[in-house]
Structures are given as structure tokens and as C-alpha cells.
Amino acid sequence: MSELINNTELRINDLYAFIKGIALQGKGAGAKLIKTYETAIEQAQAYDVVVVIDRLMQDDIELEKLKSGVNRSLNMLYKSLVSKKIPDYSTKSFFGMLQSENNVLNERLIELRAPIKAFNAKGAGNAQIENALQKIEKAVDALGEFNLHYIKKENILFPHIEKHLPEYRCLPMMWSYHDDIRNYQKEIIQLIQKKPSDLKRLNRLLGDLFFTMYAIRFREEYILFPVVFDLIPEAELNGMMEQAFDVGFAFITTPDRSVIKQKEVASESVEWQDVLHEEALAGKLLDFGTGLMTIEQAVMLLNHLPVDVTLVNEKDEVRYFSTPGHRIFPRSKAIIGRLVENCHPPSSVHIVKQLVDDFRSGRKEKESFWIQMGEKFILIQYFALRDEQGIYRGTLEVSQDVTEIRKLKGEKRLME
């Protein structure tokens, strides 16, 4: 057994040196590194990759440079990884659902090849090129539905992996690839709509989109999923599937809810010892200082506010989010108890951490951001929460669609 452990550790150390070398030394060093670590490359397993990426994410390496190195390295590990047996994902509904979405994605990407080939055809006329571009725009826009797949991973799957797998730091990198895909899709559509289209840039972006979507599918099914498949308990998987219905499904028919064997009773990450559930408080009046409400009224009030509300405690753990009719940013119960920095893509984690540090230290009391999301103009505000003694107790995030508010002019009085 000790020999097996030693061999595994040696292989992981070699793969770590190999991938880090590819990332830092560039393409010219590839042949030498492959020769040096040939045995580890030929014997690479899914868990090895997860551990190595976890270590590399803790090194002081620029993320984009590391991602480029990982892309090149995994191409060299492909043969070894696909030779390993992967789980039967259909035996667990949550993983089976994600695999089904991936299968349809593969079909959609194959269908997209024809119009790409058409507008690149030698001697293609303007009419042929324009017709092909219209088909590409429509197909890439339809691929946007697959964002539901990535949202389920980021908001449902990732929190459970963080809880059960100490080497979870590959997840922020995967989230970063999700964002790359979103950006590629957006820019492709913008390029096609802008006349004349930059066909050279368009070809490059389409190549990036294809490579990244195929790569993420491969890394899910041959690296990440095999490692976590047996780590997450059945009860949690059932709760995860329940939450998937709230997010929605990409490209596939909505599954029958009978695939859920039982509902998750409570979030496993909640560590409070004396939790009173809504049923225990039913019908009782709660004193809020400025008035009395039942728990039912309080829940309705929070969920009917025209804003998304998220509460983070003084330990930087997400403790609550409201559920208005249409949330601006997706949330799932799996994030309860999750560190707030893990609830954001890598590109914005440093901003979140700095903001919370500023609130905790008292340097700031509030901060506002505003972004354009399609036709919607979103205002995002953060407020430091302090008790009567001024001690920091957490952060409140409030997000609001202010598109219509910005259009208001003149007056409309209550009695009119």
C-alpha cells in the first residue's frame, strides 16, 4: 500500500512540474518536458489532474498564463485520461442530467460546422457569406441556452464539491472558462451584426468557442466528475437535482421530478445548533422593534421587495438570499454556508475580498456598482452591517433592475 501511495505522490509531483513548466516556459520547452515526464504523462489519472491544478492555483501564476499552460498540457494527457473507465453517470440523476445536456451540446456544435465552412469556402460570394453568417449568428445565439448548464455547476455543484473535496481550487479556473465562453458568444454576435464583419477575428473567436466548449465537456466527464462522483452523498445529490429545476435545463426536455428520490431536508452546510424553521414559528408574532409580523409576513415582505437581497455574515459565509419572482443573479440553496469569495468568478474575487475587508475595517460603509446586462441596467449595492456597538456583523448585497426607473420624468402623484 505504501508503495502505491508513494507512486501516486511521485506521479502527481511530476505532473505538477510538467504543467507548471508548460505554463511558465512556453511552447519551446514542450518537447523537453514531455521527454522528462513521459511516464507520469502516460499514467495520468483524473485525480492527479485535480490535485495538480489545486496546487497550481495556489501558486503565484497569472491566471491567463496558467490556463494557457493547462490547455496545452491536457492535450498531451488526453490519451491517458480517455483510457480510464468513467462512471455510469445515468445512475445518479444530477450527473446524468449534466451529461445529457453535454450530449446535445455536441450535436449543436457539429451542426455549426457547416455554415462556418460555407463562409470560409474558397471563392464564396457576398450572398453566400452573408447567408452563412446569419446561420452562425442564430446558432451561436441559441448556444446561449447552455449557460444554464454552467449556472448549475457554479451555483449547485461547486458548493458541494468544496465541502467534500479539499483539492477544490480547480473550480475557479473552470468558472473562468465558463466566462470565456460567455464572452466569446457575445463578441461573435456583435461582430456579425457589425458591417462589414471582421471575418479574420470572427474565425479566431469561433475557434476559441469550439475549443473551450469541447474542452470543458471533456474536463467534466473525464476529470472532474469521476473524482467527485462518489464523494457527494445520495441525499445531497437529490437536493441538488431539486435545485436544478429552479435553474432550468439546457437543450433537453425537463426531467420528470420522480428522478428525485427524496428532498433535501436542510442545507448540510448550516452549522447553527438552534435553528427554528418556519413551521415552528407559524402564526406567532415576531417583534421587529418598529412593528410586529408573523414569519409568513416577513418572508413575503422580503420576497416581494423589487430587489435581490443576499446576506453574508461576519465570517464571510453566505447565510440568506431572497427569492423574488425573477432574480437578476441566480442563487441556489447550495450556496448557504459557502464563502462569499467562492460565489464569484475569478475575475471579480479580488474586488469582493477587498470590499469585505474595507467593510470589516471600517474604511467603507457602502459601495455601489452598475452594469449593463443586455437591455437591462443593473444597480448593485453593498452595505456594511454593524450592531449597536458598531461591530461588523456582515455584508448586505442588494441588486436592482433600474432600467425603468432611469426613464422616469416629471411626476406621478399618488392620487392621480
Protein backbone atom coordinates (compact mmCIF):
# COMPACT_ATOMS: atom_id res chain seq x y z
CA MET A 1 0.00 0.00 0.00
CA SER A 2 2.83 2.41 0.91
CA GLU A 3 4.41 1.75 -2.49
CA LEU A 4 1.13 2.64 -4.20
CA ILE A 5 0.86 5.87 -2.22
CA ASN A 6 4.47 6.75 -2.98
CA ASN A 7 3.98 6.08 -6.71
CA THR A 8 0.87 8.25 -6.78
CA GLU A 9 2.62 11.09 -4.99
CA LEU A 10 5.61 10.83 -7.34
CA ARG A 11 3.33 10.88 -10.39
CA ILE A 12 1.45 13.92 -9.05
CA ASN A 13 4.71 15.75 -8.32
CA ASP A 14 5.95 15.02 -11.84
CA LEU A 15 2.70 16.20 -13.43
CA TYR A 16 2.84 19.34 -11.30
CA ALA A 17 6.35 20.08 -12.58
CA PHE A 18 5.28 19.26 -16.15
CA ILE A 19 2.19 21.50 -16.26
CA LYS A 20 3.88 24.33 -14.40
CA GLY A 21 6.80 24.11 -16.80
CA ILE A 22 4.48 24.26 -19.81
CA ALA A 23 2.71 27.29 -18.32
CA LEU A 24 5.85 29.24 -17.41
CA GLN A 25 8.40 28.17 -20.03
CA GLY A 26 6.22 28.44 -23.09
CA LYS A 27 5.80 26.26 -26.18
CA GLY A 28 9.50 25.89 -26.86
CA ALA A 29 10.01 23.80 -23.73
CA GLY A 30 7.26 21.30 -24.54
CA ALA A 31 9.35 18.56 -26.16
CA LYS A 32 11.93 18.51 -23.38
CA LEU A 33 9.28 18.48 -20.64
CA ILE A 34 7.36 15.67 -22.33
CA LYS A 35 10.50 13.55 -22.50
CA THR A 36 11.39 14.29 -18.87
CA TYR A 37 7.95 13.41 -17.50
CA GLU A 38 6.90 10.82 -20.08
CA THR A 39 5.98 8.14 -17.54
CA ALA A 40 3.74 10.44 -15.48
CA ILE A 41 2.04 11.69 -18.66
CA GLU A 42 1.31 8.13 -19.84
CA GLN A 43 -0.08 7.11 -16.42
CA ALA A 44 -2.02 10.29 -15.58
CA GLN A 45 -5.37 9.87 -13.83
CA ALA A 46 -8.26 12.23 -13.21
CA TYR A 47 -7.49 12.73 -9.52
CA ASP A 48 -3.87 13.58 -10.36
CA VAL A 49 -5.02 16.46 -12.56
CA VAL A 50 -7.41 17.81 -9.91
CA VAL A 51 -4.66 17.80 -7.26
CA VAL A 52 -2.10 19.39 -9.58
CA ILE A 53 -4.48 22.20 -10.66
CA ASP A 54 -5.32 22.78 -6.99
CA ARG A 55 -1.62 23.26 -6.21
CA LEU A 56 -1.04 25.47 -9.25
CA MET A 57 -3.99 27.71 -8.37
CA GLN A 58 -2.28 28.41 -5.04
CA ASP A 59 0.96 29.41 -6.78
CA ASP A 60 1.60 32.99 -7.80
CA ILE A 61 0.92 32.43 -11.51
CA GLU A 62 -1.13 34.77 -13.66
CA LEU A 63 -4.46 33.02 -14.31
CA GLU A 64 -4.48 33.51 -18.07
CA LYS A 65 -0.93 32.18 -18.38
CA LEU A 66 -1.84 29.19 -16.20
CA LYS A 67 -4.97 28.49 -18.25
CA SER A 68 -2.93 28.52 -21.45
CA GLY A 69 -0.46 26.07 -19.94
CA VAL A 70 -3.25 23.81 -18.69
CA ASN A 71 -4.86 23.79 -22.15
CA ARG A 72 -1.65 22.64 -23.81
CA SER A 73 -0.83 20.15 -21.05
CA LEU A 74 -4.21 18.45 -21.02
CA ASN A 75 -3.97 17.90 -24.76
CA MET A 76 -0.89 15.81 -24.00
CA LEU A 77 -2.68 13.94 -21.18
CA TYR A 78 -5.76 13.23 -23.33
CA LYS A 79 -4.77 9.71 -24.41
CA SER A 80 -4.12 8.59 -20.85
CA LEU A 81 -7.28 10.14 -19.40
CA VAL A 82 -9.69 8.74 -22.01
CA SER A 83 -8.25 5.27 -21.48
CA LYS A 84 -9.57 5.26 -17.90
CA LYS A 85 -13.06 3.97 -17.15
CA ILE A 86 -15.51 6.69 -16.17
CA PRO A 87 -18.65 6.26 -14.01
CA ASP A 88 -22.05 5.46 -15.43
CA TYR A 89 -23.46 8.95 -14.91
CA SER A 90 -27.01 7.85 -15.67
CA THR A 91 -27.13 6.04 -12.30
CA LYS A 92 -27.19 9.41 -10.49
CA SER A 93 -29.76 11.83 -11.86
CA PHE A 94 -27.83 15.08 -11.33
CA PHE A 95 -24.74 13.86 -13.17
CA GLY A 96 -26.84 12.07 -15.75
CA MET A 97 -28.70 15.30 -16.47
CA LEU A 98 -25.45 17.22 -16.97
CA GLN A 99 -24.16 14.51 -19.31
CA SER A 100 -27.39 14.60 -21.33
CA GLU A 101 -27.00 18.35 -21.77
CA ASN A 102 -23.41 17.81 -22.91
CA ASN A 103 -24.53 15.24 -25.48
CA VAL A 104 -26.92 17.70 -27.11
CA LEU A 105 -24.27 20.43 -26.96
CA ASN A 106 -22.02 18.16 -29.00
CA GLU A 107 -24.74 17.83 -31.65
CA ARG A 108 -25.27 21.60 -31.78
CA LEU A 109 -21.55 22.25 -32.22
CA ILE A 110 -21.34 19.71 -35.05
CA GLU A 111 -24.28 21.41 -36.81
CA LEU A 112 -22.48 24.75 -36.57
CA ARG A 113 -19.52 23.49 -38.61
CA ALA A 114 -21.42 23.61 -41.95
CA PRO A 115 -22.12 27.38 -42.03
CA ILE A 116 -18.59 28.09 -40.77
CA LYS A 117 -17.20 26.03 -43.63
CA ALA A 118 -19.54 27.82 -46.05
CA PHE A 119 -18.38 31.34 -45.30
CA ASN A 120 -14.75 30.22 -45.41
CA ALA A 121 -15.17 28.41 -48.75
CA LYS A 122 -12.74 29.50 -51.46
CA GLY A 123 -14.46 31.82 -53.90
CA ALA A 124 -17.54 32.31 -51.69
CA GLY A 125 -19.59 35.29 -52.87
CA ASN A 126 -21.09 38.01 -50.68
CA ALA A 127 -24.53 36.38 -50.71
CA GLN A 128 -23.13 33.01 -49.61
CA ILE A 129 -21.04 34.63 -46.88
CA GLU A 130 -23.96 36.70 -45.59
CA ASN A 131 -26.27 33.68 -45.55
CA ALA A 132 -23.67 31.67 -43.62
CA LEU A 133 -23.13 34.50 -41.14
CA GLN A 134 -26.86 34.69 -40.42
CA LYS A 135 -26.93 30.96 -39.68
CA ILE A 136 -23.87 31.26 -37.44
CA GLU A 137 -25.40 34.18 -35.52
CA LYS A 138 -28.62 32.23 -34.96
CA ALA A 139 -26.75 29.08 -33.88
CA VAL A 140 -24.37 30.90 -31.51
CA ASP A 141 -27.27 32.83 -30.00
CA ALA A 142 -29.06 29.51 -29.40
CA LEU A 143 -25.92 28.16 -27.72
CA GLY A 144 -26.53 30.81 -25.07
CA GLU A 145 -29.10 28.47 -23.54
CA PHE A 146 -26.22 26.26 -22.45
CA ASN A 147 -25.39 28.92 -19.89
CA LEU A 148 -27.98 27.14 -17.71
CA HIS A 149 -25.57 24.18 -17.60
CA TYR A 150 -22.76 26.40 -16.35
CA ILE A 151 -25.02 28.15 -13.84
CA LYS A 152 -25.99 24.79 -12.33
CA LYS A 153 -22.33 23.91 -11.97
CA GLU A 154 -21.34 27.24 -10.42
CA ASN A 155 -24.26 27.56 -8.03
CA ILE A 156 -25.23 23.97 -7.22
CA LEU A 157 -22.39 21.55 -7.96
CA PHE A 158 -19.37 23.64 -6.98
CA PRO A 159 -20.53 24.36 -3.39
CA HIS A 160 -20.92 20.63 -2.71
CA ILE A 161 -17.53 19.85 -4.23
CA GLU A 162 -15.94 22.49 -1.99
CA LYS A 163 -17.44 20.76 1.02
CA HIS A 164 -16.28 17.23 0.17
CA LEU A 165 -13.06 17.72 -1.81
CA PRO A 166 -10.14 19.55 -0.14
CA GLU A 167 -8.48 19.99 -3.54
CA TYR A 168 -11.34 22.06 -4.96
CA ARG A 169 -9.38 25.00 -6.38
CA CYS A 170 -9.73 23.81 -9.95
CA LEU A 171 -13.30 25.13 -9.73
CA PRO A 172 -12.45 28.85 -10.03
CA MET A 173 -10.41 28.03 -13.13
CA MET A 174 -13.35 26.15 -14.66
CA TRP A 175 -15.65 29.08 -13.81
CA SER A 176 -13.19 31.35 -15.63
CA TYR A 177 -13.54 29.17 -18.74
CA HIS A 178 -17.33 29.49 -18.44
CA ASP A 179 -16.92 33.26 -18.53
CA ASP A 180 -14.64 32.98 -21.55
CA ILE A 181 -17.36 31.06 -23.38
CA ARG A 182 -19.96 33.69 -22.47
CA ASN A 183 -17.67 36.43 -23.75
CA TYR A 184 -16.88 34.57 -26.99
CA GLN A 185 -20.59 34.13 -27.72
CA LYS A 186 -21.31 37.79 -27.06
CA GLU A 187 -18.44 39.07 -29.22
CA ILE A 188 -19.22 36.68 -32.08
CA ILE A 189 -22.77 38.01 -32.32
CA GLN A 190 -21.56 41.61 -32.10
CA LEU A 191 -19.00 41.02 -34.86
CA ILE A 192 -21.58 39.50 -37.20
CA GLN A 193 -24.03 42.36 -36.60
CA LYS A 194 -21.34 44.95 -37.29
CA LYS A 195 -20.98 45.54 -41.02
CA PRO A 196 -18.58 44.85 -42.58
CA SER A 197 -17.73 41.94 -40.29
CA ASP A 198 -14.12 41.27 -39.35
CA LEU A 199 -14.05 37.71 -40.72
CA LYS A 200 -10.49 37.03 -39.54
CA ARG A 201 -11.38 37.92 -35.97
CA LEU A 202 -14.65 36.01 -36.29
CA ASN A 203 -12.82 32.84 -37.34
CA ARG A 204 -10.49 33.15 -34.37
CA LEU A 205 -13.37 33.59 -31.92
CA LEU A 206 -15.31 30.68 -33.37
CA GLY A 207 -12.23 28.51 -32.96
CA ASP A 208 -11.86 29.67 -29.36
CA LEU A 209 -15.54 28.97 -28.69
CA PHE A 210 -15.38 25.46 -30.16
CA PHE A 211 -12.16 24.56 -28.37
CA THR A 212 -13.31 25.84 -24.96
CA MET A 213 -16.78 24.28 -25.05
CA TYR A 214 -15.39 20.92 -26.16
CA ALA A 215 -12.58 21.17 -23.60
CA ILE A 216 -14.93 21.90 -20.71
CA ARG A 217 -17.14 18.98 -21.68
CA PHE A 218 -14.10 16.69 -21.70
CA ARG A 219 -12.82 18.00 -18.37
CA GLU A 220 -16.22 17.50 -16.78
CA GLU A 221 -16.72 13.92 -17.92
CA TYR A 222 -13.13 12.64 -17.74
CA ILE A 223 -11.58 14.66 -14.91
CA LEU A 224 -13.91 16.47 -12.50
CA PHE A 225 -16.99 14.23 -12.46
CA PRO A 226 -15.10 10.94 -12.00
CA VAL A 227 -13.31 12.41 -8.96
CA VAL A 228 -16.44 13.72 -7.21
CA PHE A 229 -18.98 11.13 -8.39
CA ASP A 230 -18.78 9.01 -5.24
CA LEU A 231 -17.88 11.85 -2.84
CA ILE A 232 -21.28 13.54 -2.74
CA PRO A 233 -23.89 11.59 -0.69
CA GLU A 234 -27.10 10.48 -2.32
CA ALA A 235 -29.24 12.76 -0.14
CA GLU A 236 -27.25 15.79 -1.26
CA LEU A 237 -27.49 14.76 -4.91
CA ASN A 238 -31.26 14.58 -4.56
CA GLY A 239 -31.31 18.10 -3.14
CA MET A 240 -29.04 19.27 -5.95
CA MET A 241 -31.41 17.83 -8.54
CA GLU A 242 -34.31 19.58 -6.84
CA GLN A 243 -32.46 22.90 -7.13
CA ALA A 244 -31.69 22.19 -10.80
CA PHE A 245 -35.41 22.51 -11.54
CA ASP A 246 -35.27 26.08 -10.23
CA VAL A 247 -32.44 26.96 -12.64
CA GLY A 248 -33.73 25.15 -15.72
CA PHE A 249 -32.25 22.76 -18.26
CA ALA A 250 -30.18 23.33 -21.39
CA PHE A 251 -31.30 21.71 -24.67
CA ILE A 252 -33.05 18.76 -23.00
CA THR A 253 -36.65 18.04 -22.06
CA THR A 254 -37.36 18.89 -18.44
CA PRO A 255 -36.87 15.63 -16.49
CA ASP A 256 -39.69 14.04 -14.54
CA ARG A 257 -39.41 15.00 -10.87
CA SER A 258 -39.69 11.34 -10.00
CA VAL A 259 -35.92 11.16 -10.60
CA ILE A 260 -35.62 12.85 -7.21
CA LYS A 261 -35.85 10.07 -4.64
CA GLN A 262 -36.20 12.41 -1.69
CA LYS A 263 -35.92 16.09 -0.98
CA GLU A 264 -33.06 17.61 0.89
CA VAL A 265 -34.32 18.30 4.39
CA ALA A 266 -31.94 21.15 5.13
CA SER A 267 -28.72 22.65 3.86
CA GLU A 268 -25.89 20.48 5.16
CA SER A 269 -23.61 23.49 5.49
CA VAL A 270 -25.72 25.18 8.18
CA GLU A 271 -23.93 24.72 11.49
CA TRP A 272 -26.27 26.60 13.80
CA GLN A 273 -27.40 24.40 16.67
CA ASP A 274 -30.76 26.01 17.42
CA VAL A 275 -32.39 26.63 14.05
CA LEU A 276 -36.11 27.38 14.22
CA HIS A 277 -37.78 26.54 10.93
CA GLU A 278 -40.73 28.44 9.52
CA GLU A 279 -43.16 25.73 10.64
CA ALA A 280 -42.11 26.15 14.29
CA LEU A 281 -42.87 29.89 14.15
CA ALA A 282 -46.09 29.64 12.17
CA GLY A 283 -48.76 32.03 13.46
CA LYS A 284 -46.51 33.63 16.09
CA LEU A 285 -45.86 37.35 16.07
CA LEU A 286 -42.24 38.47 15.89
CA ASP A 287 -41.23 41.81 17.40
CA PHE A 288 -39.08 43.75 14.93
CA GLY A 289 -38.79 46.82 17.13
CA THR A 290 -40.83 49.02 14.81
CA GLY A 291 -43.70 46.59 14.47
CA LEU A 292 -44.97 43.03 14.66
CA MET A 293 -45.10 40.48 11.85
CA THR A 294 -45.58 36.76 11.52
CA ILE A 295 -42.78 34.77 9.94
CA GLU A 296 -45.03 34.26 6.92
CA GLN A 297 -45.41 38.02 6.52
CA ALA A 298 -41.68 38.59 6.94
CA VAL A 299 -40.87 36.05 4.23
CA MET A 300 -43.44 37.58 1.89
CA LEU A 301 -42.08 41.05 2.55
CA LEU A 302 -38.51 40.06 1.70
CA ASN A 303 -39.54 38.15 -1.41
CA HIS A 304 -41.77 40.95 -2.70
CA LEU A 305 -39.17 43.69 -2.46
CA PRO A 306 -38.25 44.81 -6.01
CA VAL A 307 -34.62 43.84 -5.33
CA ASP A 308 -32.42 40.76 -4.90
CA VAL A 309 -31.06 40.57 -1.34
CA THR A 310 -28.14 38.42 -0.18
CA LEU A 311 -26.78 38.36 3.39
CA VAL A 312 -23.16 37.46 4.21
CA ASN A 313 -22.20 37.07 7.88
CA GLU A 314 -19.09 38.31 9.68
CA LYS A 315 -17.28 35.06 8.79
CA ASP A 316 -17.76 35.81 5.06
CA GLU A 317 -20.31 32.97 4.76
CA VAL A 318 -23.49 33.37 2.71
CA ARG A 319 -26.41 32.96 5.10
CA TYR A 320 -29.51 34.11 3.22
CA PHE A 321 -30.85 35.21 -0.15
CA SER A 322 -34.32 36.38 -1.08
CA THR A 323 -36.36 34.74 -3.83
CA PRO A 324 -38.28 37.43 -5.72
CA GLY A 325 -40.24 36.41 -8.81
CA HIS A 326 -37.31 37.00 -11.15
CA ARG A 327 -33.84 37.10 -9.65
CA ILE A 328 -31.23 39.12 -11.52
CA PHE A 329 -28.37 36.86 -10.47
CA PRO A 330 -29.01 33.12 -9.95
CA ARG A 331 -28.77 31.65 -6.47
CA SER A 332 -29.34 28.16 -5.10
CA LYS A 333 -29.64 26.79 -1.56
CA ALA A 334 -26.29 25.09 -2.07
CA ILE A 335 -24.50 28.43 -1.53
CA ILE A 336 -25.71 28.72 2.08
CA GLY A 337 -22.63 28.46 4.27
CA ARG A 338 -20.32 28.97 1.28
CA LEU A 339 -17.54 31.56 1.47
CA VAL A 340 -18.66 34.61 -0.49
CA GLU A 341 -15.41 34.71 -2.48
CA ASN A 342 -16.25 31.26 -3.90
CA CYS A 343 -19.59 32.58 -5.16
CA HIS A 344 -17.95 34.87 -7.72
CA PRO A 345 -15.91 34.26 -10.88
CA PRO A 346 -12.12 34.62 -10.52
CA SER A 347 -12.16 37.93 -12.41
CA SER A 348 -14.06 39.63 -9.58
CA VAL A 349 -12.90 37.71 -6.48
CA HIS A 350 -10.22 40.29 -5.63
CA ILE A 351 -12.84 43.06 -5.72
CA VAL A 352 -15.17 41.14 -3.40
CA LYS A 353 -12.39 40.37 -0.92
CA GLN A 354 -11.18 43.97 -0.89
CA LEU A 355 -14.70 45.29 -0.37
CA VAL A 356 -15.40 42.95 2.56
CA ASP A 357 -12.03 43.86 4.10
CA ASP A 358 -12.89 47.56 3.76
CA PHE A 359 -16.26 46.98 5.47
CA ARG A 360 -14.70 44.94 8.26
CA SER A 361 -12.00 47.54 8.95
CA GLY A 362 -14.44 50.45 8.80
CA ARG A 363 -12.79 52.08 5.78
CA LYS A 364 -16.12 51.90 3.95
CA GLU A 365 -19.79 51.64 4.85
CA LYS A 366 -21.25 51.12 1.40
CA GLU A 367 -20.29 50.70 -2.24
CA SER A 368 -22.25 50.76 -5.49
CA PHE A 369 -21.67 49.32 -8.96
CA TRP A 370 -23.80 49.44 -12.08
CA ILE A 371 -23.65 47.31 -15.20
CA GLN A 372 -25.48 46.86 -18.49
CA MET A 373 -26.94 43.36 -18.93
CA GLY A 374 -28.42 43.27 -22.41
CA GLU A 375 -31.24 45.79 -22.33
CA LYS A 376 -31.27 45.90 -18.51
CA PHE A 377 -29.37 48.42 -16.40
CA ILE A 378 -28.49 46.81 -13.06
CA LEU A 379 -27.58 48.64 -9.86
CA ILE A 380 -25.63 46.54 -7.34
CA GLN A 381 -25.13 47.96 -3.84
CA TYR A 382 -23.22 46.62 -0.85
CA PHE A 383 -23.74 47.77 2.73
CA ALA A 384 -21.71 47.02 5.84
CA LEU A 385 -23.89 45.63 8.65
CA ARG A 386 -22.96 46.76 12.17
CA ASP A 387 -24.64 46.17 15.52
CA GLU A 388 -25.43 48.86 18.09
CA GLN A 389 -21.84 48.77 19.33
CA GLY A 390 -20.56 49.37 15.80
CA ILE A 391 -19.11 45.86 15.48
CA TYR A 392 -19.07 44.47 11.94
CA ARG A 393 -21.68 41.73 11.54
CA GLY A 394 -21.66 41.12 7.82
CA THR A 395 -22.45 42.50 4.38
CA LEU A 396 -25.76 43.07 2.63
CA GLU A 397 -25.87 42.85 -1.17
CA VAL A 398 -28.83 44.49 -2.90
CA SER A 399 -29.27 44.21 -6.68
CA GLN A 400 -31.99 46.03 -8.61
CA ASP A 401 -33.07 46.38 -12.22
CA VAL A 402 -33.33 50.18 -12.54
CA THR A 403 -33.96 50.27 -16.30
CA GLU A 404 -37.47 51.69 -15.97
CA ILE A 405 -36.55 53.92 -13.01
CA ARG A 406 -33.93 55.67 -15.15
CA LYS A 407 -36.64 56.54 -17.68
CA LEU A 408 -38.87 58.34 -15.17
CA LYS A 409 -39.58 62.02 -15.84
CA GLY A 410 -41.85 64.63 -14.31
CA GLU A 411 -44.21 63.49 -11.56
CA LYS A 412 -46.96 60.97 -10.93
CA ARG A 413 -48.67 61.72 -7.65
CA LEU A 414 -50.34 59.06 -5.50
CA MET A 415 -53.85 60.41 -6.01
CA GLU A 416 -53.64 60.85 -9.76
